Amino acid sequence: MTMQTENIYLVGLMGAGKTTIGRQLAKALQLPFYDSDKAIEEQTGVDIPTIFEYEGEKGFRDREQNMIEELTKIDGIVLATGGGAILREDNRKELKANGFVVYLQCSVDKILQRTKRDSQRPLLNTDSPRERIETLFKEREAFYLSCADFKIETSSMQSKAVVQNILDAYEDFY
């Protein structure tokens, strides 16, 4: 089976499995894996919650846009984007133009379950994380769908099966 070396970009809400699936995909394809949030943290030397605290969401989104622009210039990578990366049209265009975009769709219940012990999610520092996730889903779903070449439900599928489905779709796509 010959695989292309087109980039694969993963989009979806926090907790949908972008990092987990991304690492496994990269390993299967023998490609480097990048996580745009981690790359921002490495570049700035501080964590995402700190950036949100000092620069607000707009400051973070500016950094994220610059990072996505930088990462989409690299050939042959798997990239897990931040959940809100698709909010900016420039990011959606960059991703769409430079690779195979996979939307990892996940239920609100599963996202709550996966993120409940994670203090590194500034958008969930709220009295009602469920409401917040439901709102984010409503705000972002159309954006995820608009730039995705392939959509897969990750709530109940094992990560290995998700990876195989993506690899199959990726091969069919090219």
C-alpha atoms as a PDB file:
ATOM      1  CA  MET A   1       0.000   0.000   0.000  1.00  0.00           C
ATOM      2  CA  THR A   2       1.619   3.256  -1.083  1.00  0.00           C
ATOM      3  CA  MET A   3       0.629   6.317   0.855  1.00  0.00           C
ATOM      4  CA  GLN A   4       0.852   9.874  -0.318  1.00  0.00           C
ATOM      5  CA  THR A   5       2.903  12.345   1.630  1.00  0.00           C
ATOM      6  CA  GLU A   6       0.178  14.941   1.664  1.00  0.00           C
ATOM      7  CA  ASN A   7      -0.378  16.494   5.053  1.00  0.00           C
ATOM      8  CA  ILE A   8      -3.216  15.349   7.270  1.00  0.00           C
ATOM      9  CA  TYR A   9      -4.806  18.025   9.448  1.00  0.00           C
ATOM     10  CA  LEU A  10      -7.146  17.091  12.287  1.00  0.00           C
ATOM     11  CA  VAL A  11      -9.885  19.498  13.349  1.00  0.00           C
ATOM     12  CA  GLY A  12     -12.579  19.148  15.994  1.00  0.00           C
ATOM     13  CA  LEU A  13     -13.538  20.244  19.485  1.00  0.00           C
ATOM     14  CA  MET A  14     -11.210  19.806  22.434  1.00  0.00           C
ATOM     15  CA  GLY A  15     -11.394  16.232  23.672  1.00  0.00           C
ATOM     16  CA  ALA A  16     -12.404  14.825  20.259  1.00  0.00           C
ATOM     17  CA  GLY A  17      -9.123  12.903  20.081  1.00  0.00           C
ATOM     18  CA  LYS A  18      -7.007  15.053  17.752  1.00  0.00           C
ATOM     19  CA  THR A  19      -3.719  14.532  19.613  1.00  0.00           C
ATOM     20  CA  THR A  20      -4.242  10.823  20.327  1.00  0.00           C
ATOM     21  CA  ILE A  21      -5.396  10.034  16.785  1.00  0.00           C
ATOM     22  CA  GLY A  22      -2.777  12.360  15.293  1.00  0.00           C
ATOM     23  CA  ARG A  23       0.095  10.580  17.035  1.00  0.00           C
ATOM     24  CA  GLN A  24      -1.174   7.169  15.880  1.00  0.00           C
ATOM     25  CA  LEU A  25      -1.717   8.381  12.308  1.00  0.00           C
ATOM     26  CA  ALA A  26       1.760   9.886  12.173  1.00  0.00           C
ATOM     27  CA  LYS A  27       3.246   6.622  13.427  1.00  0.00           C
ATOM     28  CA  ALA A  28       1.282   4.566  10.870  1.00  0.00           C
ATOM     29  CA  LEU A  29       2.382   6.876   8.040  1.00  0.00           C
ATOM     30  CA  GLN A  30       5.906   7.364   9.434  1.00  0.00           C
ATOM     31  CA  LEU A  31       5.435  11.116   9.368  1.00  0.00           C
ATOM     32  CA  PRO A  32       6.282  13.746  11.975  1.00  0.00           C
ATOM     33  CA  PHE A  33       3.416  14.752  14.298  1.00  0.00           C
ATOM     34  CA  TYR A  34       2.709  18.338  15.310  1.00  0.00           C
ATOM     35  CA  ASP A  35       0.173  19.767  17.715  1.00  0.00           C
ATOM     36  CA  SER A  36      -0.396  23.483  17.055  1.00  0.00           C
ATOM     37  CA  ASP A  37      -1.125  24.224  20.739  1.00  0.00           C
ATOM     38  CA  LYS A  38       2.073  22.455  21.866  1.00  0.00           C
ATOM     39  CA  ALA A  39       4.056  24.275  19.162  1.00  0.00           C
ATOM     40  CA  ILE A  40       2.724  27.620  20.465  1.00  0.00           C
ATOM     41  CA  GLU A  41       3.680  26.645  24.025  1.00  0.00           C
ATOM     42  CA  GLU A  42       7.185  25.670  22.895  1.00  0.00           C
ATOM     43  CA  GLN A  43       7.572  28.901  20.936  1.00  0.00           C
ATOM     44  CA  THR A  44       6.358  31.176  23.759  1.00  0.00           C
ATOM     45  CA  GLY A  45       7.688  29.204  26.719  1.00  0.00           C
ATOM     46  CA  VAL A  46       4.323  29.412  28.510  1.00  0.00           C
ATOM     47  CA  ASP A  47       1.163  27.309  28.523  1.00  0.00           C
ATOM     48  CA  ILE A  48      -2.056  28.159  26.674  1.00  0.00           C
ATOM     49  CA  PRO A  49      -3.974  29.210  29.840  1.00  0.00           C
ATOM     50  CA  THR A  50      -1.215  31.779  30.542  1.00  0.00           C
ATOM     51  CA  ILE A  51      -1.470  33.180  27.007  1.00  0.00           C
ATOM     52  CA  PHE A  52      -5.269  33.459  27.427  1.00  0.00           C
ATOM     53  CA  GLU A  53      -4.774  35.175  30.798  1.00  0.00           C
ATOM     54  CA  TYR A  54      -2.327  37.796  29.512  1.00  0.00           C
ATOM     55  CA  GLU A  55      -3.337  38.251  25.880  1.00  0.00           C
ATOM     56  CA  GLY A  56      -6.964  37.147  25.871  1.00  0.00           C
ATOM     57  CA  GLU A  57      -8.512  34.867  23.281  1.00  0.00           C
ATOM     58  CA  LYS A  58      -7.686  37.274  20.427  1.00  0.00           C
ATOM     59  CA  GLY A  59      -3.974  37.271  21.328  1.00  0.00           C
ATOM     60  CA  PHE A  60      -3.992  33.501  21.422  1.00  0.00           C
ATOM     61  CA  ARG A  61      -5.874  33.249  18.090  1.00  0.00           C
ATOM     62  CA  ASP A  62      -3.297  35.581  16.477  1.00  0.00           C
ATOM     63  CA  ARG A  63      -0.481  33.301  17.663  1.00  0.00           C
ATOM     64  CA  GLU A  64      -2.438  30.247  16.527  1.00  0.00           C
ATOM     65  CA  GLN A  65      -2.968  31.711  13.051  1.00  0.00           C
ATOM     66  CA  ASN A  66       0.768  32.422  12.690  1.00  0.00           C
ATOM     67  CA  MET A  67       1.609  28.897  13.855  1.00  0.00           C
ATOM     68  CA  ILE A  68      -0.848  27.256  11.449  1.00  0.00           C
ATOM     69  CA  GLU A  69       0.564  29.328   8.609  1.00  0.00           C
ATOM     70  CA  GLU A  70       4.055  28.133   9.579  1.00  0.00           C
ATOM     71  CA  LEU A  71       3.118  24.459  10.032  1.00  0.00           C
ATOM     72  CA  THR A  72       1.108  24.190   6.797  1.00  0.00           C
ATOM     73  CA  LYS A  73       4.273  25.131   4.888  1.00  0.00           C
ATOM     74  CA  ILE A  74       5.903  21.860   6.015  1.00  0.00           C
ATOM     75  CA  ASP A  75       5.336  18.878   3.708  1.00  0.00           C
ATOM     76  CA  GLY A  76       4.487  15.407   4.938  1.00  0.00           C
ATOM     77  CA  ILE A  77       3.178  15.978   8.466  1.00  0.00           C
ATOM     78  CA  VAL A  78       0.193  15.103  10.633  1.00  0.00           C
ATOM     79  CA  LEU A  79      -1.119  18.161  12.486  1.00  0.00           C
ATOM     80  CA  ALA A  80      -3.593  18.312  15.363  1.00  0.00           C
ATOM     81  CA  THR A  81      -5.042  21.824  15.401  1.00  0.00           C
ATOM     82  CA  GLY A  82      -6.518  23.596  18.393  1.00  0.00           C
ATOM     83  CA  GLY A  83     -10.292  23.238  18.674  1.00  0.00           C
ATOM     84  CA  GLY A  84     -10.914  26.865  17.708  1.00  0.00           C
ATOM     85  CA  ALA A  85      -8.378  27.096  14.876  1.00  0.00           C
ATOM     86  CA  ILE A  86     -11.190  26.889  12.306  1.00  0.00           C
ATOM     87  CA  LEU A  87     -12.818  30.078  13.637  1.00  0.00           C
ATOM     88  CA  ARG A  88     -10.580  32.136  11.369  1.00  0.00           C
ATOM     89  CA  GLU A  89     -11.217  31.931   7.652  1.00  0.00           C
ATOM     90  CA  ASP A  90      -7.479  32.246   6.890  1.00  0.00           C
ATOM     91  CA  ASN A  91      -6.808  29.101   8.931  1.00  0.00           C
ATOM     92  CA  ARG A  92      -9.573  27.173   7.171  1.00  0.00           C
ATOM     93  CA  LYS A  93      -8.161  28.235   3.783  1.00  0.00           C
ATOM     94  CA  GLU A  94      -4.579  27.266   4.759  1.00  0.00           C
ATOM     95  CA  LEU A  95      -5.645  23.837   5.988  1.00  0.00           C
ATOM     96  CA  LYS A  96      -7.893  23.151   3.000  1.00  0.00           C
ATOM     97  CA  ALA A  97      -5.253  24.272   0.491  1.00  0.00           C
ATOM     98  CA  ASN A  98      -2.366  22.303   1.976  1.00  0.00           C
ATOM     99  CA  GLY A  99      -3.644  18.897   3.009  1.00  0.00           C
ATOM    100  CA  PHE A 100      -6.336  16.367   3.818  1.00  0.00           C
ATOM    101  CA  VAL A 101      -8.579  17.794   6.549  1.00  0.00           C
ATOM    102  CA  VAL A 102     -10.266  15.331   8.909  1.00  0.00           C
ATOM    103  CA  TYR A 103     -13.046  16.436  11.247  1.00  0.00           C
ATOM    104  CA  LEU A 104     -13.122  14.328  14.399  1.00  0.00           C
ATOM    105  CA  GLN A 105     -16.710  14.690  15.576  1.00  0.00           C
ATOM    106  CA  CYS A 106     -17.442  13.731  19.165  1.00  0.00           C
ATOM    107  CA  SER A 107     -20.476  13.803  21.450  1.00  0.00           C
ATOM    108  CA  VAL A 108     -20.748  16.423  24.190  1.00  0.00           C
ATOM    109  CA  ASP A 109     -20.971  13.632  26.824  1.00  0.00           C
ATOM    110  CA  LYS A 110     -17.739  12.025  25.627  1.00  0.00           C
ATOM    111  CA  ILE A 111     -15.928  15.378  25.479  1.00  0.00           C
ATOM    112  CA  LEU A 112     -17.032  16.149  29.048  1.00  0.00           C
ATOM    113  CA  GLN A 113     -15.792  12.741  30.160  1.00  0.00           C
ATOM    114  CA  ARG A 114     -12.419  13.205  28.415  1.00  0.00           C
ATOM    115  CA  THR A 115     -11.785  16.775  29.589  1.00  0.00           C
ATOM    116  CA  LYS A 116     -13.169  16.788  33.148  1.00  0.00           C
ATOM    117  CA  ARG A 117      -9.782  16.394  34.847  1.00  0.00           C
ATOM    118  CA  ASP A 118      -7.890  18.695  32.494  1.00  0.00           C
ATOM    119  CA  SER A 119      -7.129  22.106  33.982  1.00  0.00           C
ATOM    120  CA  GLN A 120      -5.323  23.209  30.805  1.00  0.00           C
ATOM    121  CA  ARG A 121      -8.514  24.127  28.943  1.00  0.00           C
ATOM    122  CA  PRO A 122      -9.210  27.838  29.504  1.00  0.00           C
ATOM    123  CA  LEU A 123     -12.539  27.744  27.664  1.00  0.00           C
ATOM    124  CA  LEU A 124     -13.869  25.189  30.162  1.00  0.00           C
ATOM    125  CA  ASN A 125     -13.067  27.237  33.263  1.00  0.00           C
ATOM    126  CA  THR A 126     -16.752  27.911  33.773  1.00  0.00           C
ATOM    127  CA  ASP A 127     -19.578  26.906  36.113  1.00  0.00           C
ATOM    128  CA  SER A 128     -21.173  24.824  33.370  1.00  0.00           C
ATOM    129  CA  PRO A 129     -18.655  23.030  31.162  1.00  0.00           C
ATOM    130  CA  ARG A 130     -21.518  21.103  29.474  1.00  0.00           C
ATOM    131  CA  GLU A 131     -23.235  24.322  28.396  1.00  0.00           C
ATOM    132  CA  ARG A 132     -19.909  25.711  27.223  1.00  0.00           C
ATOM    133  CA  ILE A 133     -19.152  22.619  25.102  1.00  0.00           C
ATOM    134  CA  GLU A 134     -22.685  22.646  23.641  1.00  0.00           C
ATOM    135  CA  THR A 135     -22.248  26.330  22.717  1.00  0.00           C
ATOM    136  CA  LEU A 136     -18.806  25.708  21.172  1.00  0.00           C
ATOM    137  CA  PHE A 137     -20.241  22.798  19.183  1.00  0.00           C
ATOM    138  CA  LYS A 138     -23.074  24.984  17.823  1.00  0.00           C
ATOM    139  CA  GLU A 139     -20.662  27.834  16.997  1.00  0.00           C
ATOM    140  CA  ARG A 140     -18.044  25.651  15.318  1.00  0.00           C
ATOM    141  CA  GLU A 141     -19.785  22.666  13.686  1.00  0.00           C
ATOM    142  CA  ALA A 142     -20.422  24.471  10.356  1.00  0.00           C
ATOM    143  CA  PHE A 143     -16.777  25.623  10.224  1.00  0.00           C
ATOM    144  CA  TYR A 144     -15.458  22.102  10.856  1.00  0.00           C
ATOM    145  CA  LEU A 145     -17.725  20.712   8.149  1.00  0.00           C
ATOM    146  CA  SER A 146     -16.863  23.487   5.675  1.00  0.00           C
ATOM    147  CA  CYS A 147     -13.159  22.659   5.625  1.00  0.00           C
ATOM    148  CA  ALA A 148     -13.249  18.889   6.200  1.00  0.00           C
ATOM    149  CA  ASP A 149     -12.468  16.407   3.427  1.00  0.00           C
ATOM    150  CA  PHE A 150     -13.554  13.584   5.727  1.00  0.00           C
ATOM    151  CA  LYS A 151     -15.641  13.417   8.918  1.00  0.00           C
ATOM    152  CA  ILE A 152     -15.530  10.612  11.460  1.00  0.00           C
ATOM    153  CA  GLU A 153     -17.402  10.099  14.736  1.00  0.00           C
ATOM    154  CA  THR A 154     -14.909   9.413  17.541  1.00  0.00           C
ATOM    155  CA  SER A 155     -17.222   9.064  20.564  1.00  0.00           C
ATOM    156  CA  SER A 156     -17.519   5.290  20.620  1.00  0.00           C
ATOM    157  CA  MET A 157     -14.934   3.996  18.166  1.00  0.00           C
ATOM    158  CA  GLN A 158     -11.565   2.677  19.330  1.00  0.00           C
ATOM    159  CA  SER A 159      -8.692   4.937  18.281  1.00  0.00           C
ATOM    160  CA  LYS A 160      -7.155   2.142  16.196  1.00  0.00           C
ATOM    161  CA  ALA A 161     -10.385   1.857  14.167  1.00  0.00           C
ATOM    162  CA  VAL A 162     -10.584   5.648  13.773  1.00  0.00           C
ATOM    163  CA  VAL A 163      -6.997   5.679  12.451  1.00  0.00           C
ATOM    164  CA  GLN A 164      -7.742   2.865   9.983  1.00  0.00           C
ATOM    165  CA  ASN A 165     -10.863   4.654   8.710  1.00  0.00           C
ATOM    166  CA  ILE A 166      -8.869   7.856   8.202  1.00  0.00           C
ATOM    167  CA  LEU A 167      -6.066   5.989   6.402  1.00  0.00           C
ATOM    168  CA  ASP A 168      -8.623   4.365   4.078  1.00  0.00           C
ATOM    169  CA  ALA A 169     -10.317   7.690   3.325  1.00  0.00           C
ATOM    170  CA  TYR A 170      -6.938   9.367   2.835  1.00  0.00           C
ATOM    171  CA  GLU A 171      -5.838   6.751   0.351  1.00  0.00           C
ATOM    172  CA  ASP A 172      -9.150   7.015  -1.551  1.00  0.00           C
ATOM    173  CA  PHE A 173      -8.850  10.785  -1.597  1.00  0.00           C
ATOM    174  CA  TYR A 174      -5.499  10.848  -3.423  1.00  0.00           C
END
